[in-house]
Amino acid sequence: MKHIGNLAAAAGSVKKSKRIGRGAGSGHGGTSTRGHKGHQSRSGHKNKSGFEGGQMPLVRRLPKFGFTNPFRVEYQVVNLSTIQTLVDSGRIQASAVTVENLRNSGVIGSSSQPVKILGNGDITSVLHVQADSYSASAKAKIESLGGTALTNG
C-alpha cells in the first residue's frame, strides 16, 4: 500500500544526470562532451538567438514591409441577434442595453475597449442601446422598430 512516506517515481522515469569532467574513467572526462576547439567548447559560450554561424541571418535576409497604424481603434463587436437573444432570455432589459450590461452578461470582455453594434440578425424588441459605435444597418434596424441608438461620449 502506498503512503505519503514511501512514494517512489515510476520505474525508468528518473534518469541519472550526466556527470561531466570527473576523469577519464567516467566516460565524460577530457573535453567533457564539448568536443575539440571552437567557440562552443569555450567557457562563456552562449547561443545568440538568430545566429546562423556567420551566414546572413534570416531576419536580415528578408525585406521589411508593412505598416502598423498607431491610431487604429479596435472595437469589440456585438451583433443585434446576440442582443435579441439576451433580451429574450431575460439576461438584460431591452430598455437598458449598455456597455456595462453587455459586460456583466459576458458578451464582451472589457468595458474599457470601445463596443460597436453590428446589424447581423433580426430584432423583435424595441431596443434602447447605448454603445460607442454602430453600423448603418444596425442603427436602421434599431430605429425602424422605434428604439434608440445612443452613442457614448
N, C-alpha and C. Protein backbone atom coordinates (compact mmCIF):
# COMPACT_ATOMS: atom_id res chain seq x y z
N MET A 1 0.84 -1.18 0.00
CA MET A 1 0.00 0.00 0.00
C MET A 1 0.89 1.25 0.00
N LYS A 2 0.48 2.26 -0.81
CA LYS A 2 1.28 3.47 -0.91
C LYS A 2 0.82 4.50 0.11
N HIS A 3 1.79 5.02 0.81
CA HIS A 3 1.54 6.10 1.76
C HIS A 3 2.42 7.27 1.35
N ILE A 4 2.12 8.44 1.88
CA ILE A 4 2.89 9.63 1.55
C ILE A 4 4.36 9.47 1.91
N GLY A 5 4.65 8.63 2.89
CA GLY A 5 6.03 8.46 3.33
C GLY A 5 6.86 7.53 2.47
N ASN A 6 6.22 6.68 1.66
CA ASN A 6 7.03 5.74 0.86
C ASN A 6 6.68 5.79 -0.62
N LEU A 7 6.37 7.00 -1.14
CA LEU A 7 6.11 7.16 -2.57
C LEU A 7 7.41 7.13 -3.33
N ALA A 8 7.40 6.54 -4.52
CA ALA A 8 8.58 6.48 -5.37
C ALA A 8 8.17 6.75 -6.81
N ALA A 9 9.11 7.27 -7.59
CA ALA A 9 8.84 7.52 -9.00
C ALA A 9 8.69 6.20 -9.74
N ALA A 10 7.97 6.24 -10.87
CA ALA A 10 7.77 5.04 -11.68
C ALA A 10 9.10 4.55 -12.21
N ALA A 11 9.24 3.24 -12.39
CA ALA A 11 10.49 2.64 -12.86
C ALA A 11 10.84 3.19 -14.24
N GLY A 12 12.07 3.69 -14.39
CA GLY A 12 12.56 4.21 -15.67
C GLY A 12 12.21 5.66 -15.94
N SER A 13 11.48 6.30 -15.05
CA SER A 13 11.08 7.69 -15.31
C SER A 13 12.14 8.69 -14.85
N VAL A 14 13.00 8.29 -13.93
CA VAL A 14 14.05 9.18 -13.44
C VAL A 14 15.39 8.67 -13.93
N LYS A 15 16.12 9.56 -14.64
CA LYS A 15 17.39 9.19 -15.23
C LYS A 15 18.52 9.89 -14.47
N LYS A 16 19.65 9.22 -14.27
CA LYS A 16 20.78 9.85 -13.60
C LYS A 16 21.36 10.94 -14.47
N SER A 17 21.80 12.04 -13.84
CA SER A 17 22.37 13.14 -14.61
C SER A 17 23.77 12.77 -15.11
N LYS A 18 24.14 13.36 -16.26
CA LYS A 18 25.45 13.10 -16.85
C LYS A 18 26.49 13.90 -16.07
N ARG A 19 27.37 13.20 -15.31
CA ARG A 19 28.39 13.88 -14.52
C ARG A 19 29.64 14.06 -15.37
N ILE A 20 29.80 15.30 -15.88
CA ILE A 20 30.91 15.55 -16.80
C ILE A 20 32.11 16.14 -16.06
N GLY A 21 33.29 15.93 -16.64
CA GLY A 21 34.52 16.47 -16.07
C GLY A 21 34.96 15.78 -14.80
N ARG A 22 34.68 14.46 -14.68
CA ARG A 22 35.05 13.74 -13.46
C ARG A 22 36.07 12.64 -13.76
N GLY A 23 36.93 12.87 -14.75
CA GLY A 23 38.02 11.94 -15.02
C GLY A 23 37.71 11.00 -16.18
N ALA A 24 38.79 10.41 -16.71
CA ALA A 24 38.68 9.54 -17.90
C ALA A 24 37.82 8.31 -17.64
N GLY A 25 37.85 7.78 -16.43
CA GLY A 25 37.10 6.57 -16.10
C GLY A 25 35.59 6.77 -16.15
N SER A 26 35.14 8.02 -16.06
CA SER A 26 33.70 8.27 -16.05
C SER A 26 33.08 8.20 -17.43
N GLY A 27 33.93 8.27 -18.46
CA GLY A 27 33.43 8.29 -19.83
C GLY A 27 33.10 9.69 -20.30
N HIS A 28 33.10 10.66 -19.38
CA HIS A 28 32.82 12.05 -19.75
C HIS A 28 33.93 12.95 -19.24
N GLY A 29 35.17 12.50 -19.30
CA GLY A 29 36.31 13.31 -18.86
C GLY A 29 36.89 14.04 -20.06
N GLY A 30 38.12 14.50 -19.94
CA GLY A 30 38.82 15.15 -21.05
C GLY A 30 38.13 16.42 -21.50
N THR A 31 37.48 16.35 -22.66
CA THR A 31 36.81 17.55 -23.20
C THR A 31 35.42 17.75 -22.59
N SER A 32 35.02 16.83 -21.74
CA SER A 32 33.74 16.95 -21.04
C SER A 32 32.56 17.12 -21.99
N THR A 33 32.49 16.31 -23.02
CA THR A 33 31.42 16.25 -24.04
C THR A 33 31.30 17.49 -24.89
N ARG A 34 32.32 18.40 -24.84
CA ARG A 34 32.24 19.62 -25.64
C ARG A 34 32.93 19.49 -26.99
N GLY A 35 33.63 18.42 -27.24
CA GLY A 35 34.36 18.28 -28.50
C GLY A 35 35.67 19.05 -28.44
N HIS A 36 36.35 19.18 -29.59
CA HIS A 36 37.65 19.86 -29.64
C HIS A 36 37.54 21.23 -30.27
N LYS A 37 38.09 22.23 -29.61
CA LYS A 37 38.18 23.61 -30.11
C LYS A 37 36.82 24.20 -30.49
N GLY A 38 36.83 25.37 -31.08
CA GLY A 38 35.59 26.03 -31.50
C GLY A 38 34.96 26.83 -30.38
N HIS A 39 34.12 27.78 -30.76
CA HIS A 39 33.57 28.69 -29.74
C HIS A 39 32.62 27.97 -28.79
N GLN A 40 32.02 26.84 -29.21
CA GLN A 40 31.10 26.13 -28.32
C GLN A 40 31.84 25.36 -27.23
N SER A 41 33.13 25.13 -27.42
CA SER A 41 33.89 24.40 -26.41
C SER A 41 34.43 25.32 -25.32
N ARG A 42 34.38 26.63 -25.57
CA ARG A 42 34.97 27.59 -24.63
C ARG A 42 34.00 27.93 -23.50
N SER A 43 34.57 28.36 -22.38
CA SER A 43 33.72 28.82 -21.29
C SER A 43 33.10 30.15 -21.69
N GLY A 44 31.92 30.42 -21.18
CA GLY A 44 31.25 31.68 -21.51
C GLY A 44 30.49 31.64 -22.81
N HIS A 45 30.43 30.47 -23.47
CA HIS A 45 29.72 30.38 -24.73
C HIS A 45 28.21 30.48 -24.50
N LYS A 46 27.55 31.30 -25.31
CA LYS A 46 26.09 31.41 -25.24
C LYS A 46 25.54 31.31 -26.67
N ASN A 47 24.37 30.70 -26.80
CA ASN A 47 23.70 30.65 -28.10
C ASN A 47 22.99 31.97 -28.33
N LYS A 48 23.43 32.74 -29.30
CA LYS A 48 22.79 34.01 -29.62
C LYS A 48 21.60 33.70 -30.51
N SER A 49 20.40 34.14 -30.12
CA SER A 49 19.21 33.82 -30.91
C SER A 49 19.33 34.45 -32.29
N GLY A 50 19.05 33.67 -33.32
CA GLY A 50 19.11 34.16 -34.69
C GLY A 50 20.48 34.02 -35.32
N PHE A 51 21.50 33.63 -34.56
CA PHE A 51 22.85 33.47 -35.12
C PHE A 51 22.91 32.19 -35.94
N GLU A 52 23.41 32.30 -37.17
CA GLU A 52 23.45 31.16 -38.08
C GLU A 52 24.87 30.83 -38.50
N GLY A 53 25.81 30.91 -37.56
CA GLY A 53 27.18 30.52 -37.85
C GLY A 53 27.92 31.47 -38.76
N GLY A 54 27.51 32.71 -38.81
CA GLY A 54 28.17 33.70 -39.67
C GLY A 54 27.42 33.94 -40.96
N GLN A 55 26.55 33.00 -41.35
CA GLN A 55 25.69 33.23 -42.52
C GLN A 55 24.75 34.38 -42.20
N MET A 56 24.39 35.16 -43.22
CA MET A 56 23.47 36.29 -43.01
C MET A 56 22.15 35.75 -42.45
N PRO A 57 21.75 36.19 -41.26
CA PRO A 57 20.56 35.63 -40.61
C PRO A 57 19.28 35.86 -41.42
N LEU A 58 18.33 34.97 -41.25
CA LEU A 58 17.06 35.03 -41.98
C LEU A 58 16.37 36.36 -41.77
N VAL A 59 16.40 36.86 -40.54
CA VAL A 59 15.75 38.13 -40.21
C VAL A 59 16.33 39.27 -41.03
N ARG A 60 17.60 39.19 -41.39
CA ARG A 60 18.22 40.25 -42.18
C ARG A 60 18.17 39.98 -43.67
N ARG A 61 17.90 38.72 -44.05
CA ARG A 61 17.79 38.38 -45.48
C ARG A 61 16.43 38.78 -46.04
N LEU A 62 15.40 38.77 -45.18
CA LEU A 62 14.04 39.07 -45.65
C LEU A 62 13.80 40.58 -45.64
N PRO A 63 13.03 41.09 -46.63
CA PRO A 63 12.79 42.53 -46.69
C PRO A 63 11.80 42.99 -45.62
N LYS A 64 11.93 44.26 -45.23
CA LYS A 64 10.97 44.86 -44.31
C LYS A 64 9.76 45.30 -45.11
N PHE A 65 8.57 45.12 -44.55
CA PHE A 65 7.36 45.58 -45.23
C PHE A 65 6.26 45.81 -44.22
N GLY A 66 5.24 46.52 -44.65
CA GLY A 66 4.06 46.71 -43.82
C GLY A 66 4.10 47.99 -43.01
N PHE A 67 3.00 48.20 -42.32
CA PHE A 67 2.82 49.42 -41.54
C PHE A 67 1.78 49.13 -40.47
N THR A 68 2.01 49.59 -39.26
CA THR A 68 1.04 49.45 -38.18
C THR A 68 0.52 50.83 -37.80
N ASN A 69 -0.76 51.04 -38.01
CA ASN A 69 -1.36 52.33 -37.73
C ASN A 69 -1.50 52.51 -36.23
N PRO A 70 -0.81 53.49 -35.64
CA PRO A 70 -0.88 53.68 -34.19
C PRO A 70 -2.23 54.23 -33.72
N PHE A 71 -3.04 54.74 -34.66
CA PHE A 71 -4.32 55.36 -34.30
C PHE A 71 -5.51 54.43 -34.56
N ARG A 72 -5.26 53.17 -34.91
CA ARG A 72 -6.34 52.22 -35.20
C ARG A 72 -7.17 51.99 -33.93
N VAL A 73 -8.50 52.00 -34.10
CA VAL A 73 -9.40 51.73 -32.99
C VAL A 73 -9.91 50.31 -33.13
N GLU A 74 -9.63 49.47 -32.15
CA GLU A 74 -10.03 48.06 -32.16
C GLU A 74 -11.33 47.92 -31.38
N TYR A 75 -12.42 47.66 -32.10
CA TYR A 75 -13.73 47.55 -31.47
C TYR A 75 -14.03 46.12 -31.03
N GLN A 76 -14.82 46.01 -29.95
CA GLN A 76 -15.43 44.73 -29.60
C GLN A 76 -16.79 44.75 -30.28
N VAL A 77 -17.06 43.74 -31.12
CA VAL A 77 -18.30 43.77 -31.89
C VAL A 77 -19.37 42.89 -31.26
N VAL A 78 -20.60 43.39 -31.31
CA VAL A 78 -21.77 42.64 -30.81
C VAL A 78 -22.85 42.74 -31.87
N ASN A 79 -23.39 41.59 -32.28
CA ASN A 79 -24.46 41.57 -33.28
C ASN A 79 -25.81 41.80 -32.63
N LEU A 80 -26.76 42.33 -33.41
CA LEU A 80 -28.12 42.55 -32.91
C LEU A 80 -28.78 41.23 -32.51
N SER A 81 -28.44 40.15 -33.23
CA SER A 81 -29.02 38.84 -32.91
C SER A 81 -28.61 38.40 -31.50
N THR A 82 -27.39 38.72 -31.10
CA THR A 82 -26.90 38.39 -29.76
C THR A 82 -27.68 39.17 -28.70
N ILE A 83 -27.89 40.46 -28.98
CA ILE A 83 -28.63 41.31 -28.04
C ILE A 83 -30.07 40.81 -27.90
N GLN A 84 -30.68 40.44 -29.04
CA GLN A 84 -32.06 39.94 -29.01
C GLN A 84 -32.16 38.65 -28.20
N THR A 85 -31.15 37.76 -28.33
CA THR A 85 -31.11 36.52 -27.56
C THR A 85 -31.04 36.82 -26.06
N LEU A 86 -30.22 37.80 -25.68
CA LEU A 86 -30.08 38.18 -24.27
C LEU A 86 -31.39 38.76 -23.72
N VAL A 87 -32.07 39.56 -24.54
CA VAL A 87 -33.33 40.16 -24.11
C VAL A 87 -34.39 39.06 -23.95
N ASP A 88 -34.44 38.13 -24.91
CA ASP A 88 -35.42 37.03 -24.85
C ASP A 88 -35.21 36.15 -23.63
N SER A 89 -33.94 35.93 -23.26
CA SER A 89 -33.65 35.07 -22.11
C SER A 89 -33.77 35.82 -20.78
N GLY A 90 -33.95 37.14 -20.85
CA GLY A 90 -34.13 37.94 -19.63
C GLY A 90 -32.84 38.33 -18.95
N ARG A 91 -31.70 38.12 -19.62
CA ARG A 91 -30.41 38.47 -19.00
C ARG A 91 -30.15 39.97 -19.00
N ILE A 92 -30.71 40.68 -20.00
CA ILE A 92 -30.66 42.14 -19.99
C ILE A 92 -32.03 42.68 -20.40
N GLN A 93 -32.31 43.93 -20.04
CA GLN A 93 -33.59 44.55 -20.38
C GLN A 93 -33.45 45.31 -21.69
N ALA A 94 -34.50 45.27 -22.50
CA ALA A 94 -34.49 45.95 -23.80
C ALA A 94 -34.39 47.46 -23.62
N SER A 95 -34.84 47.95 -22.47
CA SER A 95 -34.83 49.40 -22.24
C SER A 95 -33.45 49.91 -21.82
N ALA A 96 -32.53 48.99 -21.47
CA ALA A 96 -31.22 49.43 -20.98
C ALA A 96 -30.11 48.49 -21.47
N VAL A 97 -29.82 48.60 -22.77
CA VAL A 97 -28.71 47.82 -23.32
C VAL A 97 -27.49 48.74 -23.33
N THR A 98 -26.62 48.57 -22.30
CA THR A 98 -25.43 49.41 -22.18
C THR A 98 -24.18 48.54 -22.22
N VAL A 99 -23.04 49.21 -22.30
CA VAL A 99 -21.75 48.51 -22.31
C VAL A 99 -21.58 47.71 -21.02
N GLU A 100 -21.98 48.29 -19.90
CA GLU A 100 -21.86 47.60 -18.61
C GLU A 100 -22.72 46.35 -18.56
N ASN A 101 -23.97 46.45 -19.08
CA ASN A 101 -24.86 45.29 -19.09
C ASN A 101 -24.32 44.18 -19.99
N LEU A 102 -23.74 44.57 -21.13
CA LEU A 102 -23.15 43.57 -22.04
C LEU A 102 -21.94 42.92 -21.38
N ARG A 103 -21.19 43.71 -20.64
CA ARG A 103 -20.01 43.18 -19.93
C ARG A 103 -20.44 42.19 -18.84
N ASN A 104 -21.46 42.55 -18.07
CA ASN A 104 -21.95 41.70 -16.98
C ASN A 104 -22.55 40.40 -17.49
N SER A 105 -23.12 40.43 -18.70
CA SER A 105 -23.73 39.22 -19.26
C SER A 105 -22.70 38.36 -20.00
N GLY A 106 -21.46 38.82 -20.08
CA GLY A 106 -20.38 38.02 -20.66
C GLY A 106 -20.25 38.09 -22.17
N VAL A 107 -20.91 39.06 -22.80
CA VAL A 107 -20.85 39.18 -24.26
C VAL A 107 -19.56 39.84 -24.71
N ILE A 108 -19.11 40.83 -23.94
CA ILE A 108 -17.84 41.49 -24.25
C ILE A 108 -16.86 41.26 -23.11
N GLY A 109 -15.58 41.38 -23.42
CA GLY A 109 -14.56 41.07 -22.43
C GLY A 109 -14.16 42.24 -21.56
N SER A 110 -14.13 43.44 -22.14
CA SER A 110 -13.61 44.58 -21.40
C SER A 110 -14.54 45.77 -21.56
N SER A 111 -14.75 46.50 -20.46
CA SER A 111 -15.59 47.70 -20.55
C SER A 111 -14.76 48.93 -20.92
N SER A 112 -13.43 48.78 -20.97
CA SER A 112 -12.57 49.91 -21.33
C SER A 112 -12.34 50.00 -22.84
N GLN A 113 -12.55 48.88 -23.56
CA GLN A 113 -12.39 48.88 -25.02
C GLN A 113 -13.72 49.26 -25.67
N PRO A 114 -13.72 50.07 -26.76
CA PRO A 114 -14.98 50.51 -27.35
C PRO A 114 -15.80 49.35 -27.94
N VAL A 115 -17.13 49.53 -27.95
CA VAL A 115 -18.05 48.50 -28.42
C VAL A 115 -18.78 49.01 -29.66
N LYS A 116 -18.85 48.16 -30.69
CA LYS A 116 -19.58 48.51 -31.91
C LYS A 116 -20.71 47.50 -32.09
N ILE A 117 -21.90 48.00 -32.38
CA ILE A 117 -23.06 47.15 -32.61
C ILE A 117 -23.20 46.94 -34.12
N LEU A 118 -23.26 45.65 -34.53
CA LEU A 118 -23.41 45.31 -35.94
C LEU A 118 -24.83 44.82 -36.20
N GLY A 119 -25.28 44.96 -37.46
CA GLY A 119 -26.66 44.67 -37.80
C GLY A 119 -26.95 43.25 -38.22
N ASN A 120 -26.14 42.29 -37.82
CA ASN A 120 -26.36 40.89 -38.20
C ASN A 120 -27.52 40.31 -37.38
N GLY A 121 -28.52 39.73 -38.04
CA GLY A 121 -29.66 39.12 -37.34
C GLY A 121 -30.85 40.05 -37.28
N ASP A 122 -31.98 39.49 -36.87
CA ASP A 122 -33.22 40.27 -36.78
C ASP A 122 -33.55 40.54 -35.32
N ILE A 123 -34.24 41.68 -35.09
CA ILE A 123 -34.68 42.00 -33.73
C ILE A 123 -36.20 42.15 -33.74
N THR A 124 -36.80 41.79 -32.61
CA THR A 124 -38.25 41.89 -32.48
C THR A 124 -38.64 42.86 -31.36
N SER A 125 -37.70 43.15 -30.46
CA SER A 125 -37.98 44.04 -29.33
C SER A 125 -37.60 45.48 -29.68
N VAL A 126 -38.23 46.41 -28.99
CA VAL A 126 -37.85 47.82 -29.11
C VAL A 126 -36.65 48.02 -28.19
N LEU A 127 -35.47 48.25 -28.79
CA LEU A 127 -34.23 48.32 -28.03
C LEU A 127 -33.79 49.77 -27.82
N HIS A 128 -33.29 50.05 -26.63
CA HIS A 128 -32.67 51.34 -26.33
C HIS A 128 -31.20 51.03 -26.00
N VAL A 129 -30.35 51.22 -27.01
CA VAL A 129 -28.96 50.77 -26.93
C VAL A 129 -28.04 51.97 -26.74
N GLN A 130 -27.03 51.78 -25.89
CA GLN A 130 -26.01 52.80 -25.68
C GLN A 130 -24.66 52.14 -25.90
N ALA A 131 -23.94 52.53 -26.99
CA ALA A 131 -22.65 51.93 -27.33
C ALA A 131 -21.75 53.01 -27.93
N ASP A 132 -20.53 52.62 -28.28
CA ASP A 132 -19.57 53.58 -28.81
C ASP A 132 -19.74 53.84 -30.30
N SER A 133 -20.21 52.81 -31.04
CA SER A 133 -20.36 52.95 -32.48
C SER A 133 -21.40 51.96 -32.99
N TYR A 134 -21.96 52.26 -34.16
CA TYR A 134 -22.97 51.40 -34.79
C TYR A 134 -22.68 51.28 -36.27
N SER A 135 -23.02 50.12 -36.85
CA SER A 135 -23.00 50.02 -38.30
C SER A 135 -24.29 50.66 -38.78
N ALA A 136 -24.33 51.07 -40.06
CA ALA A 136 -25.51 51.75 -40.60
C ALA A 136 -26.73 50.84 -40.53
N SER A 137 -26.54 49.55 -40.82
CA SER A 137 -27.68 48.62 -40.82
C SER A 137 -28.21 48.39 -39.40
N ALA A 138 -27.31 48.36 -38.41
CA ALA A 138 -27.74 48.17 -37.01
C ALA A 138 -28.57 49.36 -36.55
N LYS A 139 -28.08 50.56 -36.86
CA LYS A 139 -28.80 51.77 -36.44
C LYS A 139 -30.17 51.82 -37.10
N ALA A 140 -30.24 51.45 -38.38
CA ALA A 140 -31.51 51.47 -39.11
C ALA A 140 -32.50 50.46 -38.53
N LYS A 141 -32.03 49.26 -38.19
CA LYS A 141 -32.91 48.23 -37.63
C LYS A 141 -33.44 48.63 -36.27
N ILE A 142 -32.58 49.21 -35.41
CA ILE A 142 -32.99 49.62 -34.08
C ILE A 142 -34.05 50.72 -34.17
N GLU A 143 -33.80 51.73 -35.03
CA GLU A 143 -34.70 52.88 -35.13
C GLU A 143 -35.97 52.56 -35.90
N SER A 144 -35.96 51.53 -36.77
CA SER A 144 -37.16 51.17 -37.53
C SER A 144 -38.26 50.61 -36.63
N LEU A 145 -37.86 50.01 -35.49
CA LEU A 145 -38.84 49.47 -34.54
C LEU A 145 -39.22 50.48 -33.46
N GLY A 146 -38.64 51.69 -33.54
CA GLY A 146 -38.96 52.71 -32.55
C GLY A 146 -37.98 52.78 -31.40
N GLY A 147 -36.85 52.10 -31.52
CA GLY A 147 -35.83 52.14 -30.48
C GLY A 147 -34.88 53.30 -30.66
N THR A 148 -33.92 53.41 -29.74
CA THR A 148 -32.92 54.48 -29.84
C THR A 148 -31.52 53.87 -29.83
N ALA A 149 -30.62 54.51 -30.60
CA ALA A 149 -29.22 54.11 -30.68
C ALA A 149 -28.36 55.29 -30.26
N LEU A 150 -28.04 55.36 -28.96
CA LEU A 150 -27.26 56.47 -28.43
C LEU A 150 -25.77 56.14 -28.48
N THR A 151 -24.97 57.15 -28.77
CA THR A 151 -23.53 56.97 -28.85
C THR A 151 -22.87 57.50 -27.58
N ASN A 152 -21.94 56.73 -27.01
CA ASN A 152 -21.21 57.17 -25.80
C ASN A 152 -20.27 58.30 -26.17
N GLY A 153 -20.04 59.21 -25.22
CA GLY A 153 -19.04 60.23 -25.39
C GLY A 153 -19.56 61.46 -25.95
